[in-house]
Structures are given as C-alpha cells and as structure tokens.
Amino acid sequence: MPYLLLIMEPHGQRAERGLAGGQEAYARMQRFGAGLQARGLLRASESLASTEQAVRLQVRDGQTRLTDGPFAETKEMVGGFFLIDCATREEAVAIARECPAAEWATVEVRELAPCYHGAVD
C-alpha cells in the first residue's frame, strides 16, 4: 500500500538552523531516502521550498484568486515528502519513526486513497 510521509515544519525553523545546520539536516534526509530506496520502499521523495515562494490558488464562481506566501494563518508548512510502499499502516509508522525529521518537525503518515467519504474501510 502506498503511504505519504509529509514533513510538517514550523515556519521559520529553516532560517533558525542556518546554512550549516540546514546542510546537515538535508544530508541526513538524503541518507534516509537512500536507505528507503535500497530497501525497495521508496517511490518518490522531494524537499519543498519555503512558503515564501509558494502561491495558493482557488477558483470560485469562475473567478481565480491567488494568494502569495508566506501564509500568516498557518503555523506549519509542508517541507517535503516521502512516498513509500509498505504492507501496513504499522509498517509506515515504523518507517516514519526512522525519519530524521521526526526530531525537529512532525512526520504525518497518510495512506493514499480516493478522495471521497467511505472509499477506505
């Protein structure tokens, strides 16, 4: 079953780490991803730019609304993700526990499923 590990970082944390701290954190995440790849569990992974470079889009009644980041109403941002294949939710949680980002951020584990109520038992 595919699971998405979302790395939820507090806003401002990257700047607080500084260059050397950020490079070390990134290297640890790269090693984690390489380990998942070697175990045949990794489908995809990426680090995302901070919300300062983000834009949100909504279309309502035919009108498009764009909002440039950063987004003051949010306390966290999606800093990156790992898309993995594993047999159970418990295995996905165990893998998330190994993720270095769990030490400085929140790792949210989400099963991939259709986006309507009742799709997954």
N, C-alpha and C. Protein backbone atom coordinates (compact mmCIF):
# COMPACT_ATOMS: atom_id res chain seq x y z
N MET A 1 0.84 -1.18 0.00
CA MET A 1 0.00 0.00 0.00
C MET A 1 0.88 1.24 0.00
N PRO A 2 0.52 2.23 -0.75
CA PRO A 2 1.30 3.47 -0.75
C PRO A 2 0.91 4.38 0.42
N TYR A 3 1.92 4.95 1.03
CA TYR A 3 1.74 5.92 2.11
C TYR A 3 2.60 7.14 1.82
N LEU A 4 2.09 8.29 2.22
CA LEU A 4 2.83 9.53 2.07
C LEU A 4 3.29 9.98 3.46
N LEU A 5 4.59 10.21 3.59
CA LEU A 5 5.12 10.78 4.82
C LEU A 5 5.32 12.27 4.54
N LEU A 6 4.51 13.09 5.16
CA LEU A 6 4.58 14.55 4.99
C LEU A 6 5.43 15.13 6.11
N ILE A 7 6.43 15.89 5.76
CA ILE A 7 7.28 16.53 6.75
C ILE A 7 6.71 17.92 7.03
N MET A 8 6.13 18.09 8.20
CA MET A 8 5.47 19.33 8.59
C MET A 8 6.40 20.13 9.50
N GLU A 9 6.94 21.22 8.95
CA GLU A 9 7.93 22.03 9.67
C GLU A 9 7.31 23.31 10.21
N PRO A 10 7.71 23.72 11.41
CA PRO A 10 7.27 25.03 11.90
C PRO A 10 7.85 26.14 11.01
N HIS A 11 7.05 27.17 10.76
CA HIS A 11 7.54 28.32 9.98
C HIS A 11 8.75 28.92 10.68
N GLY A 12 9.73 29.31 9.92
CA GLY A 12 10.91 29.96 10.45
C GLY A 12 12.01 29.03 10.92
N GLN A 13 11.71 27.75 11.01
CA GLN A 13 12.71 26.81 11.51
C GLN A 13 13.93 26.71 10.60
N ARG A 14 13.73 26.75 9.31
CA ARG A 14 14.86 26.64 8.39
C ARG A 14 15.83 27.80 8.58
N ALA A 15 15.31 28.99 8.71
CA ALA A 15 16.18 30.16 8.90
C ALA A 15 16.93 30.07 10.23
N GLU A 16 16.27 29.57 11.26
CA GLU A 16 16.91 29.43 12.57
C GLU A 16 18.06 28.44 12.55
N ARG A 17 17.96 27.40 11.71
CA ARG A 17 19.02 26.39 11.63
C ARG A 17 20.30 26.96 11.04
N GLY A 18 20.18 27.92 10.15
CA GLY A 18 21.34 28.47 9.47
C GLY A 18 21.83 27.52 8.38
N LEU A 19 22.84 27.97 7.65
CA LEU A 19 23.34 27.22 6.50
C LEU A 19 23.92 25.87 6.90
N ALA A 20 24.83 25.84 7.86
CA ALA A 20 25.48 24.58 8.25
C ALA A 20 24.47 23.59 8.82
N GLY A 21 23.58 24.07 9.68
CA GLY A 21 22.56 23.19 10.26
C GLY A 21 21.61 22.67 9.19
N GLY A 22 21.25 23.52 8.25
CA GLY A 22 20.38 23.10 7.15
C GLY A 22 21.03 22.07 6.26
N GLN A 23 22.30 22.27 5.97
CA GLN A 23 23.02 21.29 5.13
C GLN A 23 23.12 19.94 5.83
N GLU A 24 23.37 19.93 7.13
CA GLU A 24 23.45 18.67 7.88
C GLU A 24 22.08 17.97 7.91
N ALA A 25 21.01 18.73 8.16
CA ALA A 25 19.67 18.15 8.17
C ALA A 25 19.33 17.57 6.80
N TYR A 26 19.66 18.31 5.74
CA TYR A 26 19.38 17.85 4.38
C TYR A 26 20.16 16.57 4.08
N ALA A 27 21.42 16.51 4.49
CA ALA A 27 22.24 15.32 4.26
C ALA A 27 21.65 14.11 4.99
N ARG A 28 21.18 14.32 6.21
CA ARG A 28 20.55 13.22 6.95
C ARG A 28 19.29 12.72 6.24
N MET A 29 18.50 13.65 5.71
CA MET A 29 17.29 13.26 4.99
C MET A 29 17.64 12.52 3.70
N GLN A 30 18.69 12.95 3.02
CA GLN A 30 19.15 12.26 1.80
C GLN A 30 19.57 10.83 2.13
N ARG A 31 20.29 10.64 3.23
CA ARG A 31 20.70 9.29 3.64
C ARG A 31 19.49 8.43 3.98
N PHE A 32 18.51 9.02 4.65
CA PHE A 32 17.27 8.30 4.97
C PHE A 32 16.58 7.84 3.69
N GLY A 33 16.44 8.73 2.72
CA GLY A 33 15.83 8.38 1.44
C GLY A 33 16.60 7.30 0.70
N ALA A 34 17.93 7.39 0.72
CA ALA A 34 18.75 6.37 0.07
C ALA A 34 18.55 5.01 0.73
N GLY A 35 18.40 5.00 2.04
CA GLY A 35 18.13 3.75 2.75
C GLY A 35 16.79 3.16 2.37
N LEU A 36 15.77 4.00 2.24
CA LEU A 36 14.45 3.52 1.79
C LEU A 36 14.54 2.96 0.38
N GLN A 37 15.30 3.65 -0.47
CA GLN A 37 15.49 3.20 -1.86
C GLN A 37 16.15 1.83 -1.87
N ALA A 38 17.19 1.65 -1.07
CA ALA A 38 17.91 0.39 -1.02
C ALA A 38 17.03 -0.75 -0.53
N ARG A 39 16.05 -0.44 0.32
CA ARG A 39 15.12 -1.45 0.84
C ARG A 39 13.94 -1.68 -0.10
N GLY A 40 13.88 -0.96 -1.20
CA GLY A 40 12.80 -1.12 -2.17
C GLY A 40 11.48 -0.51 -1.72
N LEU A 41 11.52 0.45 -0.80
CA LEU A 41 10.31 1.04 -0.25
C LEU A 41 9.95 2.40 -0.84
N LEU A 42 10.90 3.07 -1.46
CA LEU A 42 10.71 4.46 -1.88
C LEU A 42 10.18 4.56 -3.30
N ARG A 43 9.06 5.28 -3.45
CA ARG A 43 8.52 5.60 -4.78
C ARG A 43 9.02 6.96 -5.25
N ALA A 44 9.03 7.92 -4.32
CA ALA A 44 9.45 9.29 -4.66
C ALA A 44 9.72 10.05 -3.38
N SER A 45 10.54 11.08 -3.48
CA SER A 45 10.77 11.99 -2.35
C SER A 45 11.27 13.32 -2.88
N GLU A 46 10.93 14.37 -2.18
CA GLU A 46 11.38 15.71 -2.56
C GLU A 46 11.36 16.61 -1.34
N SER A 47 12.23 17.59 -1.36
CA SER A 47 12.20 18.69 -0.41
C SER A 47 11.49 19.85 -1.11
N LEU A 48 10.72 20.61 -0.37
CA LEU A 48 9.97 21.72 -0.96
C LEU A 48 10.53 23.06 -0.49
N ALA A 49 10.46 24.05 -1.36
CA ALA A 49 10.86 25.40 -0.99
C ALA A 49 9.94 25.92 0.11
N SER A 50 10.41 26.91 0.83
CA SER A 50 9.62 27.52 1.90
C SER A 50 8.39 28.21 1.32
N THR A 51 7.43 28.50 2.18
CA THR A 51 6.18 29.10 1.73
C THR A 51 6.35 30.52 1.19
N GLU A 52 7.50 31.13 1.43
CA GLU A 52 7.75 32.46 0.85
C GLU A 52 7.70 32.41 -0.67
N GLN A 53 8.01 31.26 -1.26
CA GLN A 53 7.98 31.10 -2.72
C GLN A 53 6.67 30.47 -3.21
N ALA A 54 5.75 30.21 -2.30
CA ALA A 54 4.52 29.50 -2.66
C ALA A 54 3.41 30.45 -3.10
N VAL A 55 2.44 29.89 -3.77
CA VAL A 55 1.22 30.62 -4.13
C VAL A 55 0.05 29.65 -3.95
N ARG A 56 -1.06 30.16 -3.45
CA ARG A 56 -2.28 29.37 -3.32
C ARG A 56 -3.27 29.85 -4.38
N LEU A 57 -4.03 28.92 -4.91
CA LEU A 57 -4.98 29.23 -5.97
C LEU A 57 -6.33 28.65 -5.61
N GLN A 58 -7.37 29.44 -5.79
CA GLN A 58 -8.76 28.99 -5.64
C GLN A 58 -9.55 29.51 -6.83
N VAL A 59 -10.48 28.69 -7.32
CA VAL A 59 -11.42 29.13 -8.35
C VAL A 59 -12.82 28.99 -7.76
N ARG A 60 -13.51 30.10 -7.63
CA ARG A 60 -14.87 30.13 -7.09
C ARG A 60 -15.73 30.94 -8.04
N ASP A 61 -16.84 30.33 -8.46
CA ASP A 61 -17.76 31.01 -9.38
C ASP A 61 -17.04 31.56 -10.60
N GLY A 62 -16.08 30.79 -11.10
CA GLY A 62 -15.34 31.17 -12.30
C GLY A 62 -14.24 32.20 -12.08
N GLN A 63 -14.08 32.67 -10.86
CA GLN A 63 -13.06 33.68 -10.55
C GLN A 63 -11.86 33.02 -9.88
N THR A 64 -10.68 33.34 -10.38
CA THR A 64 -9.45 32.79 -9.82
C THR A 64 -8.89 33.76 -8.79
N ARG A 65 -8.55 33.21 -7.63
CA ARG A 65 -7.95 34.00 -6.56
C ARG A 65 -6.57 33.42 -6.25
N LEU A 66 -5.55 34.25 -6.32
CA LEU A 66 -4.19 33.85 -5.99
C LEU A 66 -3.76 34.55 -4.71
N THR A 67 -3.09 33.80 -3.84
CA THR A 67 -2.53 34.37 -2.61
C THR A 67 -1.07 33.97 -2.55
N ASP A 68 -0.19 34.96 -2.54
CA ASP A 68 1.24 34.69 -2.42
C ASP A 68 1.60 34.39 -0.98
N GLY A 69 2.57 33.47 -0.80
CA GLY A 69 3.08 33.16 0.53
C GLY A 69 4.04 34.23 1.00
N PRO A 70 4.40 34.22 2.25
CA PRO A 70 4.05 33.21 3.25
C PRO A 70 2.62 33.40 3.73
N PHE A 71 2.08 32.36 4.33
CA PHE A 71 0.68 32.34 4.74
C PHE A 71 0.60 32.50 6.25
N ALA A 72 0.20 33.66 6.71
CA ALA A 72 0.22 34.00 8.13
C ALA A 72 -0.69 33.10 8.96
N GLU A 73 -1.73 32.57 8.36
CA GLU A 73 -2.71 31.79 9.13
C GLU A 73 -2.24 30.37 9.44
N THR A 74 -1.11 29.95 8.90
CA THR A 74 -0.62 28.60 9.16
C THR A 74 0.59 28.64 10.08
N LYS A 75 0.69 27.66 10.95
CA LYS A 75 1.82 27.56 11.87
C LYS A 75 2.90 26.64 11.34
N GLU A 76 2.53 25.77 10.40
CA GLU A 76 3.48 24.81 9.83
C GLU A 76 3.41 24.87 8.31
N MET A 77 4.43 24.33 7.69
CA MET A 77 4.44 24.21 6.23
C MET A 77 4.88 22.80 5.88
N VAL A 78 4.48 22.33 4.71
CA VAL A 78 4.97 21.05 4.21
C VAL A 78 6.38 21.29 3.70
N GLY A 79 7.35 20.70 4.37
CA GLY A 79 8.75 20.90 4.00
C GLY A 79 9.26 19.90 2.99
N GLY A 80 8.55 18.79 2.87
CA GLY A 80 8.95 17.75 1.93
C GLY A 80 8.10 16.51 2.13
N PHE A 81 8.43 15.47 1.38
CA PHE A 81 7.65 14.24 1.49
C PHE A 81 8.46 13.04 1.04
N PHE A 82 8.02 11.89 1.50
CA PHE A 82 8.49 10.59 1.03
C PHE A 82 7.25 9.78 0.68
N LEU A 83 7.17 9.28 -0.54
CA LEU A 83 6.10 8.39 -0.95
C LEU A 83 6.67 6.99 -0.89
N ILE A 84 6.10 6.16 -0.02
CA ILE A 84 6.65 4.82 0.22
C ILE A 84 5.61 3.75 -0.05
N ASP A 85 6.08 2.54 -0.27
CA ASP A 85 5.24 1.35 -0.40
C ASP A 85 5.53 0.44 0.78
N CYS A 86 4.50 0.08 1.52
CA CYS A 86 4.68 -0.88 2.61
C CYS A 86 3.38 -1.65 2.80
N ALA A 87 3.45 -2.70 3.58
CA ALA A 87 2.32 -3.62 3.69
C ALA A 87 1.20 -3.10 4.59
N THR A 88 1.55 -2.38 5.65
CA THR A 88 0.55 -1.98 6.64
C THR A 88 0.80 -0.56 7.14
N ARG A 89 -0.21 -0.03 7.80
CA ARG A 89 -0.07 1.28 8.45
C ARG A 89 1.01 1.22 9.52
N GLU A 90 1.05 0.13 10.25
CA GLU A 90 2.05 -0.03 11.30
C GLU A 90 3.46 0.04 10.73
N GLU A 91 3.68 -0.59 9.57
CA GLU A 91 4.99 -0.52 8.93
C GLU A 91 5.30 0.91 8.51
N ALA A 92 4.31 1.62 7.98
CA ALA A 92 4.52 3.01 7.58
C ALA A 92 4.89 3.87 8.78
N VAL A 93 4.23 3.65 9.91
CA VAL A 93 4.54 4.40 11.13
C VAL A 93 5.94 4.07 11.62
N ALA A 94 6.33 2.80 11.54
CA ALA A 94 7.68 2.41 11.94
C ALA A 94 8.73 3.09 11.06
N ILE A 95 8.45 3.18 9.77
CA ILE A 95 9.38 3.86 8.85
C ILE A 95 9.43 5.35 9.19
N ALA A 96 8.28 5.96 9.46
CA ALA A 96 8.24 7.37 9.82
C ALA A 96 9.05 7.63 11.09
N ARG A 97 9.03 6.70 12.01
CA ARG A 97 9.79 6.83 13.25
C ARG A 97 11.29 6.92 12.97
N GLU A 98 11.75 6.29 11.88
CA GLU A 98 13.17 6.31 11.49
C GLU A 98 13.57 7.62 10.83
N CYS A 99 12.61 8.40 10.40
CA CYS A 99 12.88 9.63 9.64
C CYS A 99 13.56 10.67 10.53
N PRO A 100 14.72 11.18 10.12
CA PRO A 100 15.40 12.18 10.93
C PRO A 100 14.55 13.42 11.23
N ALA A 101 13.67 13.78 10.32
CA ALA A 101 12.85 14.98 10.52
C ALA A 101 11.92 14.86 11.72
N ALA A 102 11.64 13.65 12.18
CA ALA A 102 10.80 13.47 13.36
C ALA A 102 11.44 14.11 14.59
N GLU A 103 12.75 14.37 14.53
CA GLU A 103 13.46 15.00 15.64
C GLU A 103 13.25 16.51 15.69
N TRP A 104 12.92 17.15 14.57
CA TRP A 104 12.78 18.61 14.55
C TRP A 104 11.46 19.08 13.93
N ALA A 105 10.67 18.16 13.41
CA ALA A 105 9.41 18.51 12.76
C ALA A 105 8.38 17.44 13.12
N THR A 106 7.26 17.47 12.45
CA THR A 106 6.23 16.43 12.60
C THR A 106 6.18 15.65 11.30
N VAL A 107 6.15 14.32 11.41
CA VAL A 107 6.00 13.47 10.24
C VAL A 107 4.57 12.94 10.25
N GLU A 108 3.79 13.37 9.29
CA GLU A 108 2.39 12.94 9.17
C GLU A 108 2.33 11.77 8.19
N VAL A 109 1.70 10.67 8.60
CA VAL A 109 1.60 9.46 7.79
C VAL A 109 0.19 9.39 7.21
N ARG A 110 0.09 9.37 5.86
CA ARG A 110 -1.20 9.34 5.20
C ARG A 110 -1.23 8.25 4.14
N GLU A 111 -2.23 7.39 4.20
CA GLU A 111 -2.42 6.37 3.17
C GLU A 111 -3.01 7.03 1.93
N LEU A 112 -2.57 6.63 0.76
CA LEU A 112 -3.16 7.12 -0.48
C LEU A 112 -4.49 6.41 -0.70
N ALA A 113 -5.51 7.16 -1.06
CA ALA A 113 -6.85 6.59 -1.24
C ALA A 113 -7.68 7.57 -2.06
N PRO A 114 -8.79 7.09 -2.65
CA PRO A 114 -9.69 8.00 -3.36
C PRO A 114 -10.19 9.10 -2.41
N CYS A 115 -10.50 10.26 -2.95
CA CYS A 115 -10.83 11.43 -2.13
C CYS A 115 -12.33 11.61 -1.93
N TYR A 116 -12.99 10.55 -1.49
CA TYR A 116 -14.40 10.69 -1.14
C TYR A 116 -14.70 9.83 0.08
N HIS A 117 -15.67 10.26 0.86
CA HIS A 117 -16.02 9.59 2.11
C HIS A 117 -16.46 8.15 1.84
N GLY A 118 -15.95 7.24 2.65
CA GLY A 118 -16.32 5.84 2.53
C GLY A 118 -15.47 5.05 1.56
N ALA A 119 -14.45 5.67 0.96
CA ALA A 119 -13.62 4.97 -0.03
C ALA A 119 -12.73 3.92 0.61
N VAL A 120 -12.32 4.14 1.87
CA VAL A 120 -11.43 3.22 2.57
C VAL A 120 -12.15 2.73 3.81
N ASP A 121 -12.10 1.45 4.05
CA ASP A 121 -12.74 0.89 5.26
C ASP A 121 -12.02 1.29 6.51
